[in-house]
């Protein structure tokens, strides 16, 4: 579907449902920064209802090009910075399984996702946030062309308590 180099983004298929659900249910596969202390949520019902991608959200599979292995997901949801429709931006997220981490796949996937959202929507801004301690993700976002904008103090709650998040964004006009 959307590919560049070593990873591609593709639509979720029926064959992916059990795998994505397993990733969500396993804290090791999910990773410490994606563990929000909530029970696993199956995507089956959303898939069957055609709601994996909608007007204000979406989920795609990150696939390694070399062997077509799914290594994670990227997602997006609308955020609004005012009532005019032009104030809508996309907030993205990524979850890679351990064998997909530390190899630059995340930077490629997040670059591809921003490129896709700019090509298919009128949004001017794509943003992402990550824990202040998640240095690997901060580097991935920077390699993907996102710029650090600041820290949102106490913005996220996870089982270990409140966490500060570093905010990054890429604008349609950025190189």
Protein backbone atom coordinates (compact mmCIF):
# COMPACT_ATOMS: atom_id res chain seq x y z
CA UNK A 1 0.00 0.00 0.00
CA UNK A 2 2.30 2.81 1.24
CA UNK A 3 5.94 1.84 1.12
CA UNK A 4 9.37 3.34 1.35
CA UNK A 5 12.54 1.40 1.81
CA UNK A 6 12.41 -1.26 4.49
CA UNK A 7 8.82 -0.96 5.72
CA UNK A 8 5.41 -0.40 4.22
CA UNK A 9 2.07 0.53 5.70
CA UNK A 10 -0.92 -1.53 4.69
CA UNK A 11 -4.55 -1.96 5.57
CA UNK A 12 -5.49 -4.37 8.35
CA UNK A 13 -6.73 -7.68 6.93
CA UNK A 14 -8.88 -10.37 8.55
CA UNK A 15 -5.71 -12.43 8.94
CA UNK A 16 -4.17 -9.67 11.13
CA UNK A 17 -6.89 -9.55 13.78
CA UNK A 18 -5.64 -12.39 15.98
CA UNK A 19 -2.05 -11.16 15.72
CA UNK A 20 -2.89 -7.54 16.63
CA UNK A 21 -5.09 -8.74 19.49
CA UNK A 22 -2.20 -10.92 20.77
CA UNK A 23 0.18 -7.95 20.62
CA UNK A 24 -2.28 -5.86 22.61
CA UNK A 25 -2.73 -8.56 25.26
CA UNK A 26 1.00 -9.16 25.89
CA UNK A 27 2.72 -6.43 27.95
CA UNK A 28 6.15 -7.41 26.60
CA UNK A 29 5.02 -7.14 22.99
CA UNK A 30 3.06 -3.95 23.71
CA UNK A 31 6.03 -2.30 25.41
CA UNK A 32 6.18 -0.27 28.59
CA UNK A 33 5.34 3.04 26.91
CA UNK A 34 2.14 1.62 25.34
CA UNK A 35 0.83 -0.02 28.51
CA UNK A 36 -2.02 2.13 29.78
CA UNK A 37 -3.29 -0.42 32.29
CA UNK A 38 -6.48 -1.09 30.35
CA UNK A 39 -7.80 -4.52 29.46
CA UNK A 40 -6.99 -5.69 25.92
CA UNK A 41 -9.46 -4.56 23.27
CA UNK A 42 -10.12 -6.78 20.27
CA UNK A 43 -10.26 -4.99 16.93
CA UNK A 44 -12.48 -7.74 15.48
CA UNK A 45 -15.75 -5.88 15.99
CA UNK A 46 -14.34 -2.67 14.49
CA UNK A 47 -12.93 -4.63 11.55
CA UNK A 48 -16.20 -6.42 10.87
CA UNK A 49 -18.08 -3.10 11.05
CA UNK A 50 -15.62 -1.45 8.63
CA UNK A 51 -14.44 0.96 11.34
CA UNK A 52 -10.67 0.36 11.34
CA UNK A 53 -10.26 3.55 9.29
CA UNK A 54 -12.78 6.35 9.62
CA UNK A 55 -13.08 10.08 9.04
CA UNK A 56 -11.41 10.87 12.36
CA UNK A 57 -9.17 7.86 13.07
CA UNK A 58 -7.34 4.91 11.58
CA UNK A 59 -5.04 1.95 12.07
CA UNK A 60 -2.57 0.42 9.61
CA UNK A 61 -0.15 -2.50 9.84
CA UNK A 62 3.59 -1.82 9.66
CA UNK A 63 5.11 -4.55 7.52
CA UNK A 64 8.79 -5.31 6.95
CA UNK A 65 9.35 -5.28 3.17
CA UNK A 66 12.10 -7.93 3.13
CA UNK A 67 9.86 -10.75 4.33
CA UNK A 68 6.36 -9.22 4.47
CA UNK A 69 6.32 -9.78 8.26
CA UNK A 70 3.95 -7.59 10.28
CA UNK A 71 6.01 -5.86 12.96
CA UNK A 72 3.49 -3.44 14.47
CA UNK A 73 0.83 -0.85 13.86
CA UNK A 74 0.49 2.87 13.36
CA UNK A 75 -2.63 4.79 14.24
CA UNK A 76 -4.04 8.28 14.03
CA UNK A 77 -6.90 10.26 15.47
CA UNK A 78 -8.19 13.76 14.94
CA UNK A 79 -7.39 16.49 17.45
CA UNK A 80 -8.85 19.97 17.22
CA UNK A 81 -7.25 23.30 18.06
CA UNK A 82 -10.36 25.38 17.53
CA UNK A 83 -13.79 25.24 15.94
CA UNK A 84 -12.80 25.94 12.31
CA UNK A 85 -12.39 22.69 10.36
CA UNK A 86 -8.92 23.89 9.29
CA UNK A 87 -7.84 23.64 12.96
CA UNK A 88 -7.97 19.84 12.83
CA UNK A 89 -4.66 18.00 13.14
CA UNK A 90 -3.74 14.32 13.32
CA UNK A 91 -2.22 12.78 16.43
CA UNK A 92 -0.35 9.60 15.59
CA UNK A 93 0.87 6.59 17.55
CA UNK A 94 3.05 3.60 16.86
CA UNK A 95 3.48 0.19 18.48
CA UNK A 96 6.24 -2.10 17.23
CA UNK A 97 6.92 -5.61 18.53
CA UNK A 98 10.39 -6.11 20.07
CA UNK A 99 11.94 -7.59 16.90
CA UNK A 100 10.89 -4.44 15.03
CA UNK A 101 12.47 -1.99 17.46
CA UNK A 102 15.90 -0.39 17.34
CA UNK A 103 16.42 -0.76 13.58
CA UNK A 104 14.97 2.47 12.21
CA UNK A 105 11.65 0.90 11.18
CA UNK A 106 9.71 3.23 13.49
CA UNK A 107 11.16 6.37 11.92
CA UNK A 108 10.31 5.09 8.43
CA UNK A 109 6.78 4.11 9.44
CA UNK A 110 6.05 7.46 11.10
CA UNK A 111 7.41 9.35 8.08
CA UNK A 112 5.23 7.25 5.79
CA UNK A 113 2.17 7.84 7.95
CA UNK A 114 2.61 11.63 7.92
CA UNK A 115 3.16 11.53 4.14
CA UNK A 116 -0.01 9.45 3.76
CA UNK A 117 -2.10 11.77 5.93
CA UNK A 118 -0.86 14.87 4.08
CA UNK A 119 -1.61 13.19 0.74
CA UNK A 120 -5.09 11.98 1.62
CA UNK A 121 -6.46 14.72 3.91
CA UNK A 122 -6.34 18.49 4.12
CA UNK A 123 -4.69 18.52 7.57
CA UNK A 124 -1.82 20.96 7.99
CA UNK A 125 -0.34 19.29 11.11
CA UNK A 126 0.60 15.75 12.18
CA UNK A 127 1.74 15.40 15.77
CA UNK A 128 3.05 12.73 18.09
CA UNK A 129 3.95 12.64 21.74
CA UNK A 130 6.13 10.27 23.69
CA UNK A 131 7.27 9.77 27.26
CA UNK A 132 10.16 12.02 28.29
CA UNK A 133 12.10 8.83 29.08
CA UNK A 134 11.47 7.24 25.67
CA UNK A 135 14.66 8.51 24.04
CA UNK A 136 14.51 5.94 21.21
CA UNK A 137 11.08 7.22 20.10
CA UNK A 138 12.22 10.84 20.37
CA UNK A 139 15.11 10.04 18.02
CA UNK A 140 12.79 8.14 15.66
CA UNK A 141 10.42 11.09 15.43
CA UNK A 142 13.30 13.47 14.73
CA UNK A 143 14.63 11.16 11.98
CA UNK A 144 11.09 11.05 10.54
CA UNK A 145 11.07 14.85 10.18
CA UNK A 146 9.06 15.80 13.26
CA UNK A 147 10.20 18.78 15.31
CA UNK A 148 10.24 18.87 19.09
CA UNK A 149 7.83 21.51 20.36
CA UNK A 150 7.82 21.13 24.13
CA UNK A 151 6.75 19.08 27.12
CA UNK A 152 3.18 18.42 28.21
CA UNK A 153 3.55 18.01 31.96
CA UNK A 154 1.61 15.20 33.64
CA UNK A 155 -0.36 14.57 30.45
CA UNK A 156 -0.49 10.78 30.41
CA UNK A 157 -1.58 8.26 33.00
CA UNK A 158 -0.12 4.77 32.99
CA UNK A 159 -0.07 2.12 35.73
CA UNK A 160 3.10 3.65 37.19
CA UNK A 161 1.46 7.09 37.53
CA UNK A 162 1.38 10.37 35.62
CA UNK A 163 4.01 10.96 32.97
CA UNK A 164 5.32 13.99 31.13
CA UNK A 165 5.21 13.77 27.33
CA UNK A 166 7.44 15.38 24.73
CA UNK A 167 5.38 16.80 21.87
CA UNK A 168 6.59 16.61 18.27
CA UNK A 169 4.94 17.81 15.07
CA UNK A 170 5.40 17.83 11.34
CA UNK A 171 3.68 20.50 9.26
CA UNK A 172 2.58 20.19 5.66
CA UNK A 173 5.12 22.93 4.82
CA UNK A 174 8.08 21.22 6.53
CA UNK A 175 10.69 19.71 4.23
